[in-house]
Amino acid sequence: MIRKNLLFFTLILIAILNGCHTKTKQADQIATPSVLETTWTGKESDGECITYHFLPDGILHYEIESGSWKNASWKQDGNKIYFEMNAKFSEHYGTIKGNKMKGTGQNTQGHKWTWKAKKE
């Protein structure tokens, strides 16, 4: 009888903890507003300053010292952000928290970096 009660309480505890985890993930997704039609300015770990304009239809317009392009795209899933530039020559993965985002990037030549940006 004690074993059955222990098993029952263990299963209840697992169900409760699993439910809490799911609610936290959903809360993060709800609490993070879309980056659509916003502008963010930041810096990459290699020193390059960059401005991101998240346009409709997943189009990313970005500006760096050498120029400005719209040959990029973006996707957002809750607080997760992904964007690629120049036909996936470089890809960026990050997280959004409030008015800040940060993450990692890499290009097809194997170069890797970190980046961060703040909403304007």
N, C-alpha and C. Protein backbone atom coordinates (compact mmCIF):
# COMPACT_ATOMS: atom_id res chain seq x y z
N MET A 1 0.82 -1.19 0.00
CA MET A 1 0.00 0.00 0.00
C MET A 1 0.86 1.27 0.00
N ILE A 2 1.93 1.25 0.80
CA ILE A 2 2.83 2.40 0.86
C ILE A 2 3.47 2.63 -0.50
N ARG A 3 3.86 1.56 -1.19
CA ARG A 3 4.47 1.69 -2.52
C ARG A 3 3.49 2.32 -3.51
N LYS A 4 2.23 1.91 -3.46
CA LYS A 4 1.23 2.47 -4.38
C LYS A 4 1.03 3.96 -4.11
N ASN A 5 0.97 4.34 -2.84
CA ASN A 5 0.81 5.76 -2.49
C ASN A 5 2.02 6.57 -2.94
N LEU A 6 3.21 6.01 -2.72
CA LEU A 6 4.44 6.69 -3.13
C LEU A 6 4.47 6.87 -4.65
N LEU A 7 4.10 5.83 -5.38
CA LEU A 7 4.06 5.90 -6.83
C LEU A 7 3.03 6.95 -7.29
N PHE A 8 1.87 6.96 -6.67
CA PHE A 8 0.81 7.91 -7.00
C PHE A 8 1.29 9.35 -6.79
N PHE A 9 1.88 9.63 -5.64
CA PHE A 9 2.36 10.99 -5.35
C PHE A 9 3.52 11.39 -6.26
N THR A 10 4.37 10.43 -6.63
CA THR A 10 5.47 10.71 -7.55
C THR A 10 4.92 11.11 -8.92
N LEU A 11 3.93 10.36 -9.40
CA LEU A 11 3.33 10.68 -10.70
C LEU A 11 2.63 12.04 -10.68
N ILE A 12 1.95 12.35 -9.59
CA ILE A 12 1.30 13.66 -9.46
C ILE A 12 2.34 14.77 -9.48
N LEU A 13 3.44 14.60 -8.77
CA LEU A 13 4.50 15.60 -8.73
C LEU A 13 5.10 15.81 -10.12
N ILE A 14 5.35 14.74 -10.84
CA ILE A 14 5.89 14.85 -12.20
C ILE A 14 4.92 15.61 -13.10
N ALA A 15 3.64 15.30 -13.00
CA ALA A 15 2.63 15.98 -13.82
C ALA A 15 2.58 17.47 -13.50
N ILE A 16 2.66 17.81 -12.23
CA ILE A 16 2.62 19.23 -11.82
C ILE A 16 3.85 19.97 -12.34
N LEU A 17 5.03 19.39 -12.15
CA LEU A 17 6.26 20.04 -12.60
C LEU A 17 6.31 20.17 -14.11
N ASN A 18 5.85 19.17 -14.82
CA ASN A 18 5.82 19.23 -16.27
C ASN A 18 4.86 20.31 -16.74
N GLY A 19 3.73 20.45 -16.10
CA GLY A 19 2.77 21.50 -16.43
C GLY A 19 3.33 22.88 -16.18
N CYS A 20 4.11 23.06 -15.13
CA CYS A 20 4.72 24.37 -14.83
C CYS A 20 5.69 24.76 -15.93
N HIS A 21 6.46 23.81 -16.42
CA HIS A 21 7.43 24.09 -17.48
C HIS A 21 6.70 24.56 -18.74
N THR A 22 5.63 23.91 -19.11
CA THR A 22 4.87 24.29 -20.29
C THR A 22 4.31 25.69 -20.15
N LYS A 23 3.78 26.03 -18.99
CA LYS A 23 3.22 27.35 -18.78
C LYS A 23 4.29 28.43 -18.88
N THR A 24 5.50 28.16 -18.38
CA THR A 24 6.60 29.13 -18.46
C THR A 24 6.95 29.40 -19.91
N LYS A 25 7.04 28.36 -20.73
CA LYS A 25 7.36 28.54 -22.14
C LYS A 25 6.28 29.37 -22.82
N GLN A 26 5.02 29.06 -22.57
CA GLN A 26 3.94 29.81 -23.17
C GLN A 26 3.96 31.26 -22.71
N ALA A 27 4.28 31.51 -21.45
CA ALA A 27 4.34 32.87 -20.92
C ALA A 27 5.43 33.67 -21.62
N ASP A 28 6.60 33.05 -21.88
CA ASP A 28 7.68 33.73 -22.59
C ASP A 28 7.24 34.13 -23.99
N GLN A 29 6.52 33.22 -24.67
CA GLN A 29 6.09 33.51 -26.03
C GLN A 29 5.05 34.62 -26.05
N ILE A 30 4.15 34.64 -25.09
CA ILE A 30 3.12 35.67 -25.04
C ILE A 30 3.72 37.01 -24.64
N ALA A 31 4.67 37.01 -23.71
CA ALA A 31 5.23 38.24 -23.17
C ALA A 31 6.17 38.94 -24.14
N THR A 32 6.67 38.25 -25.17
CA THR A 32 7.61 38.86 -26.10
C THR A 32 6.85 39.39 -27.31
N PRO A 33 6.79 40.72 -27.49
CA PRO A 33 6.10 41.28 -28.65
C PRO A 33 6.87 41.01 -29.94
N SER A 34 6.18 41.08 -31.03
CA SER A 34 6.80 40.88 -32.34
C SER A 34 7.79 42.00 -32.64
N VAL A 35 8.84 41.65 -33.37
CA VAL A 35 9.81 42.66 -33.81
C VAL A 35 9.37 43.32 -35.11
N LEU A 36 8.26 42.88 -35.67
CA LEU A 36 7.75 43.42 -36.92
C LEU A 36 7.65 44.95 -36.86
N GLU A 37 8.22 45.57 -37.88
CA GLU A 37 8.21 47.03 -38.03
C GLU A 37 8.90 47.76 -36.88
N THR A 38 9.97 47.15 -36.37
CA THR A 38 10.80 47.80 -35.36
C THR A 38 12.22 47.92 -35.87
N THR A 39 12.99 48.78 -35.23
CA THR A 39 14.40 48.99 -35.58
C THR A 39 15.24 48.74 -34.34
N TRP A 40 16.35 48.03 -34.54
CA TRP A 40 17.26 47.67 -33.46
C TRP A 40 18.68 48.04 -33.89
N THR A 41 19.46 48.57 -32.97
CA THR A 41 20.85 48.93 -33.27
C THR A 41 21.75 48.17 -32.32
N GLY A 42 22.85 47.65 -32.88
CA GLY A 42 23.73 46.86 -32.03
C GLY A 42 25.14 46.76 -32.56
N LYS A 43 25.85 45.82 -31.97
CA LYS A 43 27.26 45.63 -32.29
C LYS A 43 27.58 44.15 -32.24
N GLU A 44 28.45 43.73 -33.15
CA GLU A 44 28.92 42.36 -33.17
C GLU A 44 30.25 42.28 -32.43
N SER A 45 30.61 41.10 -31.97
CA SER A 45 31.83 40.95 -31.17
C SER A 45 33.09 41.29 -31.95
N ASP A 46 33.02 41.27 -33.27
CA ASP A 46 34.19 41.67 -34.06
C ASP A 46 34.25 43.18 -34.27
N GLY A 47 33.33 43.92 -33.62
CA GLY A 47 33.38 45.38 -33.62
C GLY A 47 32.46 46.07 -34.61
N GLU A 48 31.81 45.32 -35.49
CA GLU A 48 30.96 45.95 -36.49
C GLU A 48 29.63 46.42 -35.89
N CYS A 49 29.30 47.69 -36.12
CA CYS A 49 28.01 48.23 -35.69
C CYS A 49 26.99 47.94 -36.78
N ILE A 50 25.76 47.63 -36.37
CA ILE A 50 24.74 47.25 -37.33
C ILE A 50 23.37 47.72 -36.86
N THR A 51 22.54 48.11 -37.82
CA THR A 51 21.15 48.48 -37.54
C THR A 51 20.25 47.53 -38.31
N TYR A 52 19.26 46.98 -37.62
CA TYR A 52 18.32 46.03 -38.21
C TYR A 52 16.94 46.67 -38.29
N HIS A 53 16.30 46.58 -39.45
CA HIS A 53 14.92 47.03 -39.64
C HIS A 53 14.11 45.78 -40.00
N PHE A 54 13.23 45.34 -39.10
CA PHE A 54 12.43 44.13 -39.31
C PHE A 54 11.15 44.51 -40.04
N LEU A 55 11.13 44.25 -41.34
CA LEU A 55 10.04 44.67 -42.21
C LEU A 55 8.99 43.56 -42.37
N PRO A 56 7.81 43.91 -42.91
CA PRO A 56 6.78 42.89 -43.15
C PRO A 56 7.26 41.80 -44.12
N ASP A 57 6.56 40.70 -44.10
CA ASP A 57 6.84 39.54 -44.96
C ASP A 57 8.21 38.94 -44.70
N GLY A 58 8.75 39.12 -43.50
CA GLY A 58 10.02 38.50 -43.14
C GLY A 58 11.23 39.13 -43.80
N ILE A 59 11.11 40.33 -44.31
CA ILE A 59 12.24 41.01 -44.95
C ILE A 59 13.03 41.77 -43.90
N LEU A 60 14.34 41.60 -43.93
CA LEU A 60 15.23 42.31 -43.02
C LEU A 60 16.07 43.30 -43.81
N HIS A 61 15.97 44.57 -43.45
CA HIS A 61 16.81 45.61 -44.03
C HIS A 61 17.88 45.91 -42.99
N TYR A 62 19.14 45.79 -43.37
CA TYR A 62 20.21 46.04 -42.40
C TYR A 62 21.21 47.04 -42.95
N GLU A 63 21.81 47.77 -42.01
CA GLU A 63 22.77 48.81 -42.36
C GLU A 63 24.06 48.57 -41.58
N ILE A 64 25.17 48.57 -42.31
CA ILE A 64 26.50 48.49 -41.70
C ILE A 64 27.33 49.63 -42.29
N GLU A 65 28.54 49.78 -41.83
CA GLU A 65 29.38 50.89 -42.28
C GLU A 65 29.55 50.92 -43.79
N SER A 66 29.64 49.75 -44.42
CA SER A 66 29.90 49.70 -45.86
C SER A 66 28.64 49.86 -46.72
N GLY A 67 27.45 49.91 -46.11
CA GLY A 67 26.25 50.09 -46.92
C GLY A 67 24.99 49.58 -46.25
N SER A 68 23.95 49.50 -47.05
CA SER A 68 22.63 49.11 -46.56
C SER A 68 21.99 48.15 -47.56
N TRP A 69 21.39 47.06 -47.05
CA TRP A 69 20.83 46.02 -47.91
C TRP A 69 19.49 45.52 -47.40
N LYS A 70 18.73 44.93 -48.34
CA LYS A 70 17.47 44.26 -48.00
C LYS A 70 17.51 42.80 -48.46
N ASN A 71 18.70 42.25 -48.62
CA ASN A 71 18.83 40.86 -49.07
C ASN A 71 18.91 39.90 -47.89
N ALA A 72 17.99 40.07 -46.95
CA ALA A 72 18.01 39.26 -45.73
C ALA A 72 16.57 38.96 -45.32
N SER A 73 16.44 37.94 -44.48
CA SER A 73 15.11 37.58 -43.98
C SER A 73 15.18 37.29 -42.49
N TRP A 74 14.01 37.29 -41.84
CA TRP A 74 13.95 37.05 -40.40
C TRP A 74 12.72 36.21 -40.05
N LYS A 75 12.83 35.51 -38.91
CA LYS A 75 11.72 34.73 -38.35
C LYS A 75 11.77 34.88 -36.83
N GLN A 76 10.60 34.94 -36.22
CA GLN A 76 10.52 35.03 -34.77
C GLN A 76 9.57 33.96 -34.26
N ASP A 77 9.97 33.30 -33.18
CA ASP A 77 9.12 32.32 -32.50
C ASP A 77 9.18 32.63 -31.01
N GLY A 78 8.20 33.38 -30.53
CA GLY A 78 8.22 33.79 -29.12
C GLY A 78 9.40 34.70 -28.87
N ASN A 79 10.27 34.32 -27.93
CA ASN A 79 11.44 35.15 -27.64
C ASN A 79 12.67 34.73 -28.44
N LYS A 80 12.52 33.80 -29.37
CA LYS A 80 13.62 33.36 -30.23
C LYS A 80 13.58 34.12 -31.55
N ILE A 81 14.74 34.56 -32.01
CA ILE A 81 14.84 35.30 -33.27
C ILE A 81 15.90 34.63 -34.15
N TYR A 82 15.62 34.56 -35.44
CA TYR A 82 16.56 34.04 -36.43
C TYR A 82 16.55 35.01 -37.60
N PHE A 83 17.73 35.33 -38.12
CA PHE A 83 17.79 36.07 -39.36
C PHE A 83 19.02 35.66 -40.14
N GLU A 84 18.89 35.75 -41.46
CA GLU A 84 19.99 35.39 -42.35
C GLU A 84 20.19 36.53 -43.34
N MET A 85 21.43 36.61 -43.83
CA MET A 85 21.78 37.68 -44.75
C MET A 85 22.47 37.11 -45.98
N ASN A 86 22.20 37.73 -47.12
CA ASN A 86 22.90 37.40 -48.35
C ASN A 86 22.79 35.91 -48.70
N ALA A 87 21.55 35.43 -48.84
CA ALA A 87 21.28 34.03 -49.21
C ALA A 87 21.96 33.05 -48.24
N LYS A 88 21.83 33.33 -46.97
CA LYS A 88 22.37 32.53 -45.87
C LYS A 88 23.90 32.51 -45.82
N PHE A 89 24.54 33.53 -46.41
CA PHE A 89 25.99 33.64 -46.22
C PHE A 89 26.29 33.76 -44.74
N SER A 90 25.46 34.52 -44.02
CA SER A 90 25.59 34.56 -42.56
C SER A 90 24.22 34.31 -41.93
N GLU A 91 24.25 33.59 -40.80
CA GLU A 91 23.03 33.27 -40.07
C GLU A 91 23.19 33.67 -38.62
N HIS A 92 22.12 34.18 -38.05
CA HIS A 92 22.13 34.69 -36.68
C HIS A 92 20.99 34.05 -35.89
N TYR A 93 21.29 33.58 -34.70
CA TYR A 93 20.30 33.00 -33.79
C TYR A 93 20.37 33.76 -32.48
N GLY A 94 19.22 34.14 -31.93
CA GLY A 94 19.26 34.89 -30.69
C GLY A 94 17.98 34.81 -29.89
N THR A 95 18.01 35.51 -28.77
CA THR A 95 16.84 35.60 -27.89
C THR A 95 16.55 37.07 -27.61
N ILE A 96 15.28 37.34 -27.39
CA ILE A 96 14.82 38.69 -27.11
C ILE A 96 14.36 38.74 -25.67
N LYS A 97 14.80 39.78 -24.96
CA LYS A 97 14.35 40.00 -23.59
C LYS A 97 14.10 41.49 -23.43
N GLY A 98 12.81 41.85 -23.37
CA GLY A 98 12.46 43.27 -23.26
C GLY A 98 12.86 44.03 -24.51
N ASN A 99 13.65 45.09 -24.33
CA ASN A 99 14.09 45.89 -25.47
C ASN A 99 15.51 45.53 -25.91
N LYS A 100 15.96 44.33 -25.54
CA LYS A 100 17.30 43.88 -25.94
C LYS A 100 17.22 42.49 -26.56
N MET A 101 18.14 42.23 -27.48
CA MET A 101 18.30 40.90 -28.04
C MET A 101 19.79 40.61 -28.15
N LYS A 102 20.13 39.33 -28.08
CA LYS A 102 21.53 38.93 -28.22
C LYS A 102 21.58 37.52 -28.74
N GLY A 103 22.74 37.17 -29.32
CA GLY A 103 22.86 35.83 -29.85
C GLY A 103 24.21 35.56 -30.47
N THR A 104 24.21 34.56 -31.34
CA THR A 104 25.43 34.13 -32.02
C THR A 104 25.21 34.18 -33.52
N GLY A 105 26.31 34.29 -34.24
CA GLY A 105 26.24 34.29 -35.69
C GLY A 105 27.39 33.50 -36.27
N GLN A 106 27.20 33.07 -37.50
CA GLN A 106 28.29 32.39 -38.21
C GLN A 106 28.06 32.55 -39.70
N ASN A 107 29.16 32.43 -40.46
CA ASN A 107 29.01 32.53 -41.90
C ASN A 107 29.52 31.26 -42.58
N THR A 108 29.35 31.21 -43.88
CA THR A 108 29.71 30.01 -44.64
C THR A 108 31.22 29.78 -44.68
N GLN A 109 32.01 30.76 -44.30
CA GLN A 109 33.46 30.61 -44.26
C GLN A 109 33.95 30.11 -42.91
N GLY A 110 33.02 29.83 -41.98
CA GLY A 110 33.39 29.29 -40.68
C GLY A 110 33.64 30.33 -39.60
N HIS A 111 33.51 31.59 -39.93
CA HIS A 111 33.69 32.65 -38.92
C HIS A 111 32.50 32.67 -37.98
N LYS A 112 32.75 32.76 -36.67
CA LYS A 112 31.69 32.80 -35.66
C LYS A 112 31.85 34.03 -34.78
N TRP A 113 30.74 34.56 -34.28
CA TRP A 113 30.76 35.76 -33.45
C TRP A 113 29.52 35.80 -32.57
N THR A 114 29.52 36.76 -31.66
CA THR A 114 28.32 37.05 -30.87
C THR A 114 27.83 38.43 -31.26
N TRP A 115 26.60 38.72 -30.94
CA TRP A 115 26.03 40.02 -31.27
C TRP A 115 24.99 40.39 -30.22
N LYS A 116 24.73 41.68 -30.14
CA LYS A 116 23.66 42.18 -29.27
C LYS A 116 23.10 43.44 -29.89
N ALA A 117 21.83 43.71 -29.59
CA ALA A 117 21.16 44.89 -30.15
C ALA A 117 20.12 45.40 -29.17
N LYS A 118 19.80 46.67 -29.31
CA LYS A 118 18.80 47.32 -28.45
C LYS A 118 17.76 47.98 -29.34
N LYS A 119 16.51 47.88 -28.94
CA LYS A 119 15.41 48.46 -29.70
C LYS A 119 15.48 49.98 -29.62
N GLU A 120 15.30 50.61 -30.77
CA GLU A 120 15.31 52.09 -30.81
C GLU A 120 13.95 52.64 -30.44
